[in-house]
Protein backbone atom coordinates (compact mmCIF):
# COMPACT_ATOMS: atom_id res chain seq x y z
CA UNK A 1 116.67 93.42 132.36
CA UNK A 2 113.12 94.98 130.64
CA UNK A 3 114.91 94.94 127.19
CA UNK A 4 115.94 91.28 127.95
CA UNK A 5 112.52 89.95 129.00
CA UNK A 6 111.22 92.06 125.53
CA UNK A 7 113.56 90.15 123.70
CA UNK A 8 112.74 86.59 125.05
CA UNK A 9 108.99 87.22 124.73
CA UNK A 10 109.33 88.51 120.94
CA UNK A 11 111.58 85.29 120.30
CA UNK A 12 108.85 83.21 121.64
CA UNK A 13 106.25 84.98 119.62
CA UNK A 14 108.00 84.53 116.61
CA UNK A 15 108.82 80.71 117.18
CA UNK A 16 111.92 78.90 118.30
CA UNK A 17 112.31 77.01 115.50
CA UNK A 18 112.10 79.73 112.63
CA UNK A 19 114.62 81.97 115.24
CA UNK A 20 116.49 79.03 114.95
CA UNK A 21 116.83 78.51 111.30
CA UNK A 22 117.29 82.07 110.76
CA UNK A 23 120.33 82.47 112.90
CA UNK A 24 121.77 79.04 111.94
CA UNK A 25 121.59 80.34 108.05
CA UNK A 26 122.89 83.44 108.94
CA UNK A 27 125.87 82.07 110.80
CA UNK A 28 126.44 79.48 107.75
CA UNK A 29 126.66 82.64 105.42
CA UNK A 30 128.39 84.74 107.35
CA UNK A 31 130.82 81.77 107.57
CA UNK A 32 130.90 81.21 103.92
CA UNK A 33 130.02 77.45 104.62
CA UNK A 34 126.31 76.96 103.86
CA UNK A 35 125.72 74.96 100.61
CA UNK A 36 124.12 77.74 98.80
CA UNK A 37 127.55 79.17 99.14
CA UNK A 38 129.17 76.60 96.25
CA UNK A 39 126.91 76.97 93.79
CA UNK A 40 128.15 77.59 90.50
CA UNK A 41 126.90 77.77 86.80
CA UNK A 42 127.60 78.62 83.48
CA UNK A 43 126.01 81.57 81.32
CA UNK A 44 123.38 80.34 79.24
CA UNK A 45 123.23 80.62 75.43
CA UNK A 46 120.04 81.84 73.67
CA UNK A 47 117.57 81.81 71.97
CA UNK A 48 115.18 81.37 74.98
CA UNK A 49 111.56 82.03 73.22
CA UNK A 50 110.65 81.27 69.90
CA UNK A 51 107.82 82.66 67.54
CA UNK A 52 104.43 82.13 69.03
CA UNK A 53 102.40 79.90 66.81
CA UNK A 54 98.94 80.79 68.74
CA UNK A 55 96.77 83.32 67.23
CA UNK A 56 96.82 87.27 67.89
CA UNK A 57 94.84 87.53 70.99
CA UNK A 58 92.93 90.79 70.04
CA UNK A 59 93.71 92.66 73.24
CA UNK A 60 96.07 95.58 73.48
CA UNK A 61 99.96 94.72 75.29
CA UNK A 62 100.40 96.78 78.40
CA UNK A 63 102.46 100.28 77.15
CA UNK A 64 105.55 99.98 79.46
CA UNK A 65 108.69 98.32 78.67
CA UNK A 66 108.64 100.32 75.10
CA UNK A 67 110.78 103.60 75.04
CA UNK A 68 111.02 103.68 78.89
CA UNK A 69 110.93 101.03 81.71
CA UNK A 70 108.72 101.45 84.54
CA UNK A 71 109.89 100.98 88.24
CA UNK A 72 107.38 100.45 90.82
CA UNK A 73 104.72 101.18 88.37
CA UNK A 74 105.45 104.85 88.50
CA UNK A 75 109.10 105.89 87.67
CA UNK A 76 109.92 106.25 84.08
CA UNK A 77 113.18 105.23 83.08
CA UNK A 78 114.45 105.87 79.40
CA UNK A 79 115.57 103.12 77.52
CA UNK A 80 116.98 103.86 74.59
CA UNK A 81 118.41 101.06 72.20
CA UNK A 82 120.08 99.00 74.68
CA UNK A 83 119.02 96.96 77.92
CA UNK A 84 119.27 98.52 81.13
CA UNK A 85 122.34 98.43 82.80
CA UNK A 86 121.20 95.78 85.48
CA UNK A 87 123.49 96.64 88.11
CA UNK A 88 123.13 100.47 88.66
CA UNK A 89 120.47 102.02 90.89
CA UNK A 90 118.40 103.67 87.87
CA UNK A 91 117.24 106.88 90.00
CA UNK A 92 120.44 107.76 91.87
CA UNK A 93 122.52 110.22 89.64
CA UNK A 94 126.22 109.07 89.89
CA UNK A 95 125.63 106.17 92.40
CA UNK A 96 128.17 103.70 92.65
CA UNK A 97 127.72 100.68 90.68
CA UNK A 98 127.54 97.28 92.32
CA UNK A 99 130.45 94.68 91.50
CA UNK A 100 130.25 91.16 91.05
CA UNK A 101 131.34 89.37 94.08
CA UNK A 102 129.30 86.36 95.01
CA UNK A 103 125.95 87.46 96.20
CA UNK A 104 126.19 86.25 100.03
CA UNK A 105 128.97 88.81 100.66
CA UNK A 106 127.08 91.45 99.69
CA UNK A 107 125.04 93.73 102.35
CA UNK A 108 121.23 94.35 101.79
CA UNK A 109 121.58 97.84 103.21
CA UNK A 110 124.64 100.00 101.99
CA UNK A 111 123.72 104.11 102.04
CA UNK A 112 126.31 104.53 99.87
CA UNK A 113 124.82 102.64 97.21
CA UNK A 114 121.25 103.11 98.16
CA UNK A 115 118.05 101.11 98.32
CA UNK A 116 118.85 97.69 97.12
CA UNK A 117 115.24 97.47 95.62
CA UNK A 118 116.02 99.93 92.94
CA UNK A 119 118.40 97.59 91.42
CA UNK A 120 116.26 94.41 91.95
CA UNK A 121 113.31 96.09 90.65
CA UNK A 122 114.41 96.14 86.54
CA UNK A 123 115.81 92.51 86.88
CA UNK A 124 112.70 91.24 88.43
CA UNK A 125 111.56 90.70 84.51
CA UNK A 126 108.26 92.16 83.99
CA UNK A 127 109.41 93.08 81.10
CA UNK A 128 109.74 89.64 79.82
CA UNK A 129 105.76 89.56 80.17
CA UNK A 130 105.08 92.73 78.36
CA UNK A 131 107.44 91.48 75.31
CA UNK A 132 105.73 88.44 75.53
CA UNK A 133 101.95 90.16 74.75
CA UNK A 134 103.54 92.20 71.87
CA UNK A 135 105.22 88.75 70.40
CA UNK A 136 101.66 87.09 70.80
CA UNK A 137 100.58 90.00 68.68
CA UNK A 138 103.27 88.78 65.92
CA UNK A 139 105.70 91.48 66.43
CA UNK A 140 109.05 89.73 65.04
CA UNK A 141 111.26 92.53 66.53
CA UNK A 142 110.16 92.47 69.96
CA UNK A 143 110.75 88.85 69.78
CA UNK A 144 114.41 89.31 69.29
CA UNK A 145 114.46 92.23 71.67
CA UNK A 146 113.24 89.79 74.42
CA UNK A 147 115.98 87.13 73.49
CA UNK A 148 118.81 89.91 73.37
CA UNK A 149 117.47 91.10 76.91
CA UNK A 150 117.79 87.93 78.11
CA UNK A 151 121.15 86.87 76.91
CA UNK A 152 122.49 90.29 78.11
CA UNK A 153 120.80 89.68 81.83
CA UNK A 154 122.96 86.57 82.11
CA UNK A 155 126.11 87.94 80.73
CA UNK A 156 125.71 90.45 83.10
CA UNK A 157 124.39 88.56 86.47
CA UNK A 158 126.82 85.50 85.48
CA UNK A 159 125.22 82.86 87.72
CA UNK A 160 125.14 83.23 91.32
CA UNK A 161 127.47 86.52 91.22
CA UNK A 162 125.99 90.22 91.94
CA UNK A 163 123.09 91.76 93.69
CA UNK A 164 120.40 90.41 91.50
CA UNK A 165 121.25 86.58 92.72
CA UNK A 166 121.18 87.80 96.53
CA UNK A 167 117.10 87.02 97.09
CA UNK A 168 115.54 84.03 96.61
CA UNK A 169 111.86 85.73 96.38
CA UNK A 170 113.86 87.76 93.37
CA UNK A 171 114.78 84.72 91.52
CA UNK A 172 111.43 83.36 92.10
CA UNK A 173 109.65 86.78 90.72
CA UNK A 174 111.82 85.97 87.10
CA UNK A 175 110.42 82.40 87.47
CA UNK A 176 107.20 83.48 87.71
CA UNK A 177 107.20 86.09 85.22
CA UNK A 178 109.20 83.56 82.45
CA UNK A 179 106.46 81.32 83.37
CA UNK A 180 103.54 83.97 82.52
CA UNK A 181 105.49 84.63 79.08
CA UNK A 182 105.48 81.26 78.26
CA UNK A 183 101.66 80.43 79.04
CA UNK A 184 101.22 83.81 77.06
CA UNK A 185 103.20 82.35 74.11
CA UNK A 186 101.79 78.87 74.16
CA UNK A 187 105.51 77.48 75.03
CA UNK A 188 105.35 75.95 78.34
CA UNK A 189 105.41 72.62 76.63
CA UNK A 190 108.85 72.26 74.06
CA UNK A 191 110.23 75.40 75.24
CA UNK A 192 113.84 75.88 74.05
CA UNK A 193 117.02 74.29 75.73
CA UNK A 194 118.00 77.86 76.74
CA UNK A 195 114.67 78.88 78.62
CA UNK A 196 115.23 75.50 80.59
CA UNK A 197 118.44 75.83 81.75
CA UNK A 198 117.48 79.40 82.80
CA UNK A 199 114.81 78.08 84.82
CA UNK A 200 116.93 75.46 86.44
CA UNK A 201 119.85 77.84 87.31
CA UNK A 202 117.41 79.67 89.41
CA UNK A 203 116.04 76.88 91.15
CA UNK A 204 119.28 75.98 91.77
CA UNK A 205 119.29 79.27 93.78
CA UNK A 206 116.09 78.79 95.63
CA UNK A 207 116.20 75.33 96.52
CA UNK A 208 119.22 75.51 99.47
CA UNK A 209 117.51 78.49 101.27
CA UNK A 210 114.16 77.39 101.01
CA UNK A 211 114.06 76.73 104.63
CA UNK A 212 115.14 80.55 105.82
CA UNK A 213 112.22 81.68 103.39
CA UNK A 214 109.73 79.69 105.14
CA UNK A 215 111.14 80.93 108.46
CA UNK A 216 110.08 84.40 107.41
CA UNK A 217 106.39 83.21 107.35
CA UNK A 218 105.58 85.55 104.94
CA UNK A 219 105.54 86.44 101.30
CA UNK A 220 108.95 84.85 100.63
CA UNK A 221 107.67 81.54 101.46
CA UNK A 222 104.63 81.54 99.00
CA UNK A 223 106.91 82.81 96.34
CA UNK A 224 109.42 80.45 96.50
CA UNK A 225 107.68 77.75 97.03
CA UNK A 226 105.54 78.58 93.83
CA UNK A 227 108.75 79.08 91.62
CA UNK A 228 109.78 75.48 92.83
CA UNK A 229 106.51 74.02 91.61
CA UNK A 230 106.21 76.17 88.57
CA UNK A 231 109.84 75.49 87.43
CA UNK A 232 110.03 72.27 88.77
CA UNK A 233 106.64 70.50 87.02
CA UNK A 234 108.07 72.69 83.73
CA UNK A 235 111.42 70.89 83.87
CA UNK A 236 110.12 67.49 85.10
CA UNK A 237 107.79 67.57 82.06
CA UNK A 238 110.63 68.43 79.57
CA UNK A 239 112.68 65.32 81.31
CA UNK A 240 115.33 67.21 82.84
CA UNK A 241 117.17 65.80 86.20
CA UNK A 242 115.94 67.32 89.71
CA UNK A 243 112.67 68.59 88.12
CA UNK A 244 110.49 66.17 89.92
CA UNK A 245 112.02 66.66 93.37
CA UNK A 246 111.72 70.46 92.56
CA UNK A 247 108.29 70.22 92.03
CA UNK A 248 107.60 68.10 95.07
CA UNK A 249 109.47 70.36 97.07
CA UNK A 250 107.41 73.69 96.15
CA UNK A 251 103.85 71.50 95.94
CA UNK A 252 104.69 70.55 99.71
CA UNK A 253 105.86 74.13 100.90
CA UNK A 254 102.84 75.86 98.91
CA UNK A 255 100.52 73.59 100.78
CA UNK A 256 102.04 74.18 103.81
CA UNK A 257 102.60 77.75 103.83
CA UNK A 258 98.43 78.60 102.51
CA UNK A 259 97.74 76.36 105.58
CA UNK A 260 99.60 78.13 107.83
CA UNK A 261 99.57 81.77 106.58
CA UNK A 262 96.06 81.98 105.67
CA UNK A 263 93.70 82.67 108.23
CA UNK A 264 90.30 80.88 108.67
CA UNK A 265 89.16 84.36 107.78
CA UNK A 266 91.16 84.82 104.89
CA UNK A 267 93.91 87.34 106.45
CA UNK A 268 97.04 86.64 105.56
CA UNK A 269 100.22 86.88 108.04
CA UNK A 270 101.68 90.32 106.54
CA UNK A 271 99.02 92.60 107.85
CA UNK A 272 99.42 93.92 104.28
CA UNK A 273 96.74 94.66 101.66
CA UNK A 274 99.86 95.23 99.01
CA UNK A 275 101.37 91.60 100.06
CA UNK A 276 98.02 90.15 100.29
CA UNK A 277 97.39 91.13 96.38
CA UNK A 278 101.23 89.72 95.75
CA UNK A 279 99.97 86.23 97.73
CA UNK A 280 96.46 86.17 95.57
CA UNK A 281 98.59 86.70 92.22
CA UNK A 282 101.39 83.89 93.47
CA UNK A 283 98.33 81.30 94.24
CA UNK A 284 96.79 82.41 90.91
CA UNK A 285 99.53 81.87 88.27
CA UNK A 286 100.46 78.57 90.23
CA UNK A 287 96.60 77.35 89.59
CA UNK A 288 96.89 78.86 86.13
CA UNK A 289 99.89 76.89 85.44
CA UNK A 290 98.75 73.59 87.29
CA UNK A 291 95.75 73.57 85.02
CA UNK A 292 97.40 74.32 81.68
CA UNK A 293 99.81 71.62 82.25
CA UNK A 294 97.20 69.11 83.54
CA UNK A 295 99.21 68.45 87.15
CA UNK A 296 97.21 66.70 89.94
CA UNK A 297 95.01 69.58 91.85
CA UNK A 298 96.25 70.89 95.60
CA UNK A 299 94.23 70.18 98.25
CA UNK A 300 90.94 70.82 99.28
CA UNK A 301 92.08 72.90 102.08
CA UNK A 302 94.43 74.72 99.63
CA UNK A 303 91.62 75.95 97.64
CA UNK A 304 89.34 76.91 100.52
CA UNK A 305 92.21 78.74 102.00
CA UNK A 306 92.82 80.53 98.70
CA UNK A 307 89.14 81.35 98.25
CA UNK A 308 89.14 82.81 101.53
CA UNK A 309 91.98 85.16 100.71
CA UNK A 310 90.35 85.94 97.50
CA UNK A 311 86.87 87.17 99.26
CA UNK A 312 89.07 88.97 101.81
CA UNK A 313 90.71 90.99 99.20
CA UNK A 314 87.50 91.70 97.32
CA UNK A 315 85.83 92.89 100.31
CA UNK A 316 88.71 95.51 101.26
CA UNK A 317 88.74 96.93 97.27
CA UNK A 318 86.69 99.89 96.24
CA UNK A 319 84.41 98.52 92.99
CA UNK A 320 84.36 102.23 92.01
CA UNK A 321 88.38 102.92 92.12
CA UNK A 322 89.87 99.59 92.61
CA UNK A 323 91.79 101.05 95.63
CA UNK A 324 91.88 99.93 99.03
CA UNK A 325 93.00 101.20 102.43
CA UNK A 326 96.95 101.18 102.67
CA UNK A 327 97.51 98.80 105.04
CA UNK A 328 100.82 97.38 106.58
CA UNK A 329 104.39 97.27 104.56
CA UNK A 330 103.95 98.51 100.49
CA UNK A 331 107.26 97.78 99.15
CA UNK A 332 105.58 98.68 95.09
CA UNK A 333 105.17 94.70 94.27
CA UNK A 334 103.14 93.88 91.61
CA UNK A 335 103.09 90.30 89.97
CA UNK A 336 101.25 89.61 86.50
CA UNK A 337 101.09 92.96 84.84
CA UNK A 338 99.03 91.98 81.90
CA UNK A 339 97.39 95.36 82.24
CA UNK A 340 97.70 99.15 81.97
CA UNK A 341 95.25 99.81 85.14
CA UNK A 342 96.86 101.91 88.04
CA UNK A 343 99.25 99.84 90.39
CA UNK A 344 96.58 100.90 93.33
CA UNK A 345 93.71 98.96 90.79
CA UNK A 346 93.66 95.86 92.72
CA UNK A 347 90.17 94.62 90.84
CA UNK A 348 92.31 92.71 88.11
CA UNK A 349 94.20 90.51 90.81
CA UNK A 350 90.35 90.09 92.31
CA UNK A 351 88.42 89.29 89.03
CA UNK A 352 91.50 86.53 88.52
CA UNK A 353 91.86 85.35 91.78
CA UNK A 354 88.04 84.98 92.08
CA UNK A 355 87.20 83.11 88.85
CA UNK A 356 89.65 80.46 89.73
CA UNK A 357 89.34 80.02 93.41
CA UNK A 358 85.58 81.29 94.00
CA UNK A 359 84.04 79.96 90.58
CA UNK A 360 82.54 83.66 90.62
CA UNK A 361 83.04 86.96 88.87
CA UNK A 362 83.74 89.60 90.86
CA UNK A 363 82.81 92.59 88.94
CA UNK A 364 80.64 92.23 85.97
CA UNK A 365 80.91 95.04 84.06
CA UNK A 366 83.85 94.77 80.92
CA UNK A 367 87.16 96.68 82.38
CA UNK A 368 90.86 96.10 82.38
CA UNK A 369 90.33 93.50 85.40
CA UNK A 370 89.40 91.16 82.48
CA UNK A 371 92.69 91.38 81.03
CA UNK A 372 94.00 89.04 82.91
CA UNK A 373 91.56 86.35 82.16
CA UNK A 374 91.50 86.91 78.69
CA UNK A 375 95.71 86.63 78.20
CA UNK A 376 95.42 83.62 80.46
CA UNK A 377 93.06 81.81 78.64
CA UNK A 378 90.54 81.95 81.83
CA UNK A 379 86.90 81.99 81.24
CA UNK A 380 85.20 84.17 83.72
CA UNK A 381 82.34 82.96 85.37
CA UNK A 382 78.80 84.16 85.03
CA UNK A 383 78.01 83.51 88.83
CA UNK A 384 78.30 87.32 90.70
CA UNK A 385 80.37 87.27 93.69
CA UNK A 386 78.67 87.61 97.19
CA UNK A 387 77.49 91.12 98.13
CA UNK A 388 79.71 93.55 99.73
CA UNK A 389 78.77 93.45 103.39
CA UNK A 390 80.09 94.39 106.95
CA UNK A 391 82.96 92.23 107.77
CA UNK A 392 84.34 90.75 110.88
CA UNK A 393 87.92 89.62 109.98
CA UNK A 394 88.71 88.84 113.88
CA UNK A 395 91.69 86.05 112.99
CA UNK A 396 93.51 88.96 111.52
CA UNK A 397 92.03 91.84 113.56
CA UNK A 398 89.98 93.74 110.83
CA UNK A 399 86.36 95.37 110.66
CA UNK A 400 84.66 96.70 107.88
CA UNK A 401 81.60 98.64 108.43
CA UNK A 402 79.23 99.85 105.82
CA UNK A 403 76.80 102.71 105.34
CA UNK A 404 75.42 103.86 101.87
CA UNK A 405 78.49 104.65 100.16
CA UNK A 406 80.69 105.08 103.31
CA UNK A 407 83.06 102.14 104.47
CA UNK A 408 85.19 102.04 107.40
CA UNK A 409 88.39 100.08 107.91
CA UNK A 410 89.34 99.36 111.41
CA UNK A 411 92.49 97.56 112.42
CA UNK A 412 93.09 96.28 115.65
CA UNK A 413 95.90 93.76 116.94
CA UNK A 414 95.47 90.10 116.55
CA UNK A 415 99.25 89.23 116.06
CA UNK A 416 99.67 85.82 115.56
CA UNK A 417 102.50 86.69 113.07
CA UNK A 418 105.05 89.68 113.40
CA UNK A 419 103.75 93.04 113.06
CA UNK A 420 105.07 95.18 110.22
CA UNK A 421 103.58 98.55 111.64
CA UNK A 422 102.52 100.38 115.24
CA UNK A 423 99.15 100.49 113.79
CA UNK A 424 96.87 99.35 116.39
CA UNK A 425 93.01 100.72 116.11
CA UNK A 426 94.13 102.98 112.96
CA UNK A 427 91.29 103.55 111.07
CA UNK A 428 90.75 104.22 107.32
CA UNK A 429 87.34 105.80 106.23
CA UNK A 430 86.25 105.71 102.52
CA UNK A 431 83.53 107.43 100.85
CA UNK A 432 82.14 106.74 96.82
CA UNK A 433 85.72 104.96 96.42
CA UNK A 434 87.84 108.14 97.79
CA UNK A 435 89.98 107.81 100.89
CA UNK A 436 88.66 110.32 103.29
CA UNK A 437 91.09 109.36 106.55
CA UNK A 438 94.22 107.63 104.90
CA UNK A 439 97.51 105.50 106.38
CA UNK A 440 100.80 106.98 105.51
CA UNK A 441 101.98 103.93 103.86
CA UNK A 442 105.56 102.73 104.05
CA UNK A 443 107.36 104.61 101.59
CA UNK A 444 110.99 103.00 101.69
CA UNK A 445 113.11 100.39 103.61
CA UNK A 446 116.22 101.86 103.21
CA UNK A 447 115.81 105.71 102.51
CA UNK A 448 118.42 108.44 103.70
CA UNK A 449 117.41 109.94 106.04
CA UNK A 450 115.62 106.98 107.57
CA UNK A 451 112.13 107.66 107.49
CA UNK A 452 110.89 103.97 108.51
CA UNK A 453 110.07 104.86 111.80
CA UNK A 454 107.63 107.70 110.63
CA UNK A 455 105.46 105.58 108.15
CA UNK A 456 105.56 102.23 110.64
CA UNK A 457 104.76 104.31 113.60
CA UNK A 458 101.96 105.11 115.41
CA UNK A 459 102.57 108.91 113.97
CA UNK A 460 101.69 107.44 110.39
CA UNK A 461 98.34 106.43 111.32
CA UNK A 462 94.83 107.83 112.24
CA UNK A 463 95.23 106.57 116.27
CA UNK A 464 96.31 107.77 119.27
CA UNK A 465 100.04 108.34 120.40
CA UNK A 466 101.07 107.99 124.00
CA UNK A 467 104.09 109.80 125.08
CA UNK A 468 105.43 110.63 121.40
CA UNK A 469 106.31 106.76 121.30
CA UNK A 470 105.81 103.82 119.62
CA UNK A 471 102.77 101.15 120.42
CA UNK A 472 105.28 98.99 120.95
CA UNK A 473 109.15 98.79 121.15
CA UNK A 474 111.22 98.71 118.09
CA UNK A 475 113.80 96.19 118.13
CA UNK A 476 115.47 96.08 115.00
CA UNK A 477 114.82 97.55 111.58
CA UNK A 478 111.78 95.16 110.92
CA UNK A 479 110.80 93.68 114.39
CA UNK A 480 108.86 95.17 116.97
CA UNK A 481 108.55 93.55 121.01
CA UNK A 482 105.79 93.41 123.26
CA UNK A 483 103.18 92.40 120.64
CA UNK A 484 99.72 94.10 121.47
CA UNK A 485 97.25 91.96 122.18
CA UNK A 486 93.52 93.18 121.67
CA UNK A 487 90.91 93.97 124.33
CA UNK A 488 87.14 95.00 124.64
CA UNK A 489 86.27 93.82 121.11
CA UNK A 490 82.99 93.33 120.20
CA UNK A 491 80.93 92.47 117.18
CA UNK A 492 79.61 94.64 114.51
CA UNK A 493 75.93 95.65 115.27
CA UNK A 494 73.69 98.00 113.60
CA UNK A 495 71.28 100.44 115.66
CA UNK A 496 69.11 102.35 114.20
CA UNK A 497 70.68 102.23 111.00
CA UNK A 498 73.97 103.04 112.59
CA UNK A 499 76.76 100.25 112.39
CA UNK A 500 78.91 100.35 114.90
CA UNK A 501 82.08 98.20 116.92
CA UNK A 502 85.02 98.62 119.29
CA UNK A 503 88.28 97.39 120.22
CA UNK A 504 91.08 98.07 122.32
CA UNK A 505 94.59 97.39 123.80
CA UNK A 506 97.01 97.52 126.46
CA UNK A 507 100.83 98.16 125.86
CA UNK A 508 103.54 96.98 127.74
CA UNK A 509 103.89 100.62 129.20
CA UNK A 510 100.71 100.68 130.96
CA UNK A 511 98.66 103.05 128.23
CA UNK A 512 95.60 101.79 127.17
CA UNK A 513 93.20 102.84 124.14
CA UNK A 514 89.46 101.65 123.72
CA UNK A 515 88.06 102.91 120.21
CA UNK A 516 84.30 102.89 119.84
CA UNK A 517 83.22 103.23 116.36
CA UNK A 518 79.64 104.43 114.48
CA UNK A 519 79.07 104.89 110.97
CA UNK A 520 75.96 106.51 109.21
CA UNK A 521 75.57 107.46 105.77
CA UNK A 522 76.86 110.73 105.73
CA UNK A 523 78.83 110.74 109.65
CA UNK A 524 81.17 108.99 111.34
CA UNK A 525 81.49 109.31 115.08
CA UNK A 526 84.79 107.94 116.84
CA UNK A 527 85.08 107.88 120.31
CA UNK A 528 88.50 107.29 122.16
CA UNK A 529 89.00 106.48 125.77
CA UNK A 530 92.89 106.74 126.61
CA UNK A 531 94.43 105.99 130.21
CA UNK A 532 97.50 104.97 131.43
CA UNK A 533 100.08 107.43 129.56
CA UNK A 534 102.75 109.33 131.67
CA UNK A 535 102.42 112.96 129.92
CA UNK A 536 100.36 113.27 126.70
CA UNK A 537 98.05 111.58 124.29
CA UNK A 538 97.89 112.99 120.78
CA UNK A 539 94.82 111.91 118.61
CA UNK A 540 95.84 112.26 114.79
CA UNK A 541 93.58 111.99 111.49
CA UNK A 542 95.21 112.26 108.35
CA UNK A 543 92.89 114.34 105.97
CA UNK A 544 92.21 114.79 102.11
CA UNK A 545 94.47 116.95 100.13
CA UNK A 546 92.09 120.13 100.62
CA UNK A 547 92.06 123.79 102.14
CA UNK A 548 91.07 122.77 105.71
CA UNK A 549 90.50 125.88 108.06
CA UNK A 550 90.74 125.29 111.64
CA UNK A 551 88.43 126.62 114.45
CA UNK A 552 89.04 126.61 118.19
CA UNK A 553 85.15 125.88 119.54
CA UNK A 554 84.11 126.08 123.04
CA UNK A 555 83.57 122.21 123.30
CA UNK A 556 86.99 121.51 121.36
CA UNK A 557 88.59 121.85 117.77
CA UNK A 558 86.92 122.13 114.47
CA UNK A 559 88.70 121.74 110.70
CA UNK A 560 86.28 121.96 107.33
CA UNK A 561 87.14 122.63 104.04
CA UNK A 562 83.64 123.86 102.92
CA UNK A 563 82.61 120.07 102.21
CA UNK A 564 83.58 117.97 104.84
CA UNK A 565 83.82 119.12 108.85
CA UNK A 566 85.62 117.13 111.21
CA UNK A 567 84.99 118.27 115.08
CA UNK A 568 87.08 116.61 118.23
CA UNK A 569 85.88 117.18 121.69
CA UNK A 570 87.23 115.85 125.00
CA UNK A 571 85.86 115.50 128.65
CA UNK A 572 88.86 116.65 129.77
CA UNK A 573 90.85 119.88 128.63
CA UNK A 574 92.52 120.03 125.21
CA UNK A 575 95.96 121.24 125.91
CA UNK A 576 97.16 121.61 122.10
CA UNK A 577 95.13 121.54 118.40
CA UNK A 578 96.67 122.37 115.16
CA UNK A 579 96.59 121.27 111.39
CA UNK A 580 100.30 120.17 110.71
CA UNK A 581 101.51 118.72 107.29
CA UNK A 582 102.95 114.83 107.06
CA UNK A 583 103.59 112.24 104.71
CA UNK A 584 101.62 109.72 102.85
CA UNK A 585 102.98 107.18 100.44
CA UNK A 586 101.35 105.38 98.11
CA UNK A 587 104.00 103.86 96.44
CA UNK A 588 107.30 103.00 97.02
CA UNK A 589 109.89 105.49 97.01
CA UNK A 590 107.26 108.26 96.57
CA UNK A 591 105.43 110.71 99.43
CA UNK A 592 103.25 113.39 99.27
CA UNK A 593 102.65 116.09 102.02
CA UNK A 594 98.99 115.45 103.56
CA UNK A 595 97.49 117.40 106.00
CA UNK A 596 96.92 116.25 109.92
CA UNK A 597 94.93 117.33 112.45
CA UNK A 598 96.62 116.70 116.06
CA UNK A 599 94.97 116.93 119.14
CA UNK A 600 96.58 116.71 122.40
CA UNK A 601 95.37 116.29 126.12
CA UNK A 602 97.35 115.42 128.88
CA UNK A 603 95.49 113.21 131.53
CA UNK A 604 93.41 110.35 130.91
CA UNK A 605 90.24 111.04 129.45
CA UNK A 606 87.49 110.65 126.63
CA UNK A 607 88.05 112.19 122.99
CA UNK A 608 85.12 112.20 120.57
CA UNK A 609 85.27 112.91 116.88
CA UNK A 610 82.62 113.49 114.55
CA UNK A 611 83.23 113.23 110.50
CA UNK A 612 80.61 114.63 108.39
CA UNK A 613 80.67 115.01 104.51
CA UNK A 614 78.25 116.09 101.78
CA UNK A 615 76.44 113.12 100.40
């Protein structure tokens, strides 16, 4: 009965309309009677792009997709003289190739064939943008290569057959990359017939499943709406049938998604730093396209929400390294790859979004973050962005505390949308652009063995875990039940130069955790009050890779690497303390070993943590 109640409550939280839409779609697909199952189309003949008539922009193109391709921004795949094998897992030796069945008959999860995202990645067409940059720099050989690759892709992925047509968002990403290439080459108007037909085939795939995408309440909806608007307005300008309809549908849904999924403080529905960047890049390329083809503006609310979302990402990202806390799901997605800046450098996206939606310059120093603007012809404002500050993002459940070069990011549960991780009261600590206490990330959606529970669960975060379980029951691969609700949340306050706040929650089993945080220039103090568990509570701190020495003191447990010292004490007996090895993932399908301090108690009590570092 408890499980039934949990399911019912979770379905209500998800939204009955959204749940009904998903169920209806999946049943119709399973039966093979959904309208999308009856799509058909012919392989398009090239060429798709012509020689650019624009002047050499004077910027170096990105270095990837020359002799080797780059997947998830870090996996290099040799290319040779021929296009990639679009239907093969590029990193799994001897992996079975996927066949050309209708896409709706292919499963998302197949242990024999591996993570489907490894096949999708090459077909997202990041290489189209890389090639367009070289063509803009008068590289005729790359123009031939681009048209040849597109012809090969269509020949090996005939319309609506095979895994690369399976996801509407994947089709949308291709449309966005083709659009970006057209902007770079100045071919957004009077484009070649082959490119027009290629866009049309993709919009035919996206439109019939748009309601399913919207029911996800995530980046699928924003990406697919943007693709329909961009592609539809593109075709309409060329006088092609259905263009106006697709443009209207895309515009309406994009307005709807931004209005619903972006909170009043700029937080996004997916509670993820990287998916927030996906949102910003999606809105940015859409606005650049709208301006270039002189379409009517979006609503005032659209621009207000976009501005808030950009400001949120700006405050989260270090101006020194461009990196930020690895919060939430991270599947390696990166739109608008117009610069060789590292994957975890979010500054190019912030700089472009700030120029478009805030009329400000996020980073006044010249750097690779300016390349996005230059390639897309967007001027950078001379007005500087607001200073970094303490931030209460209560609609999304985030607090940012700052003192000198130190920053703390506290995550607490404000789940209006589906949570992807059990990360309540996780804390990230940064000093001078370096991550001193980190999040585990998410690694892979379909690894063998399955590690998703480790990375998304409480064990993967700097928080307290009760009785070896997660903070919420796991109902399916991507669904938690009994969503937590925050309690005892206090605003950020500064007392005698120390910045502080607190938040807590009570879970479905009666376990309660309240965390108070106090940050100064050279130290962090965290007080965790825990009760309501049955057997044990384990506090974990995920430390930087270093040689940590552990010492049991009369008051508690201390670890030090010579530069930093972290000590945990308690008002009840500590029954276990050790430095173990765990995992952290900064890139999709990549993980590295990190030291973790684990402190265990077996009764209700208070744990006090003091972390000091050298200035």
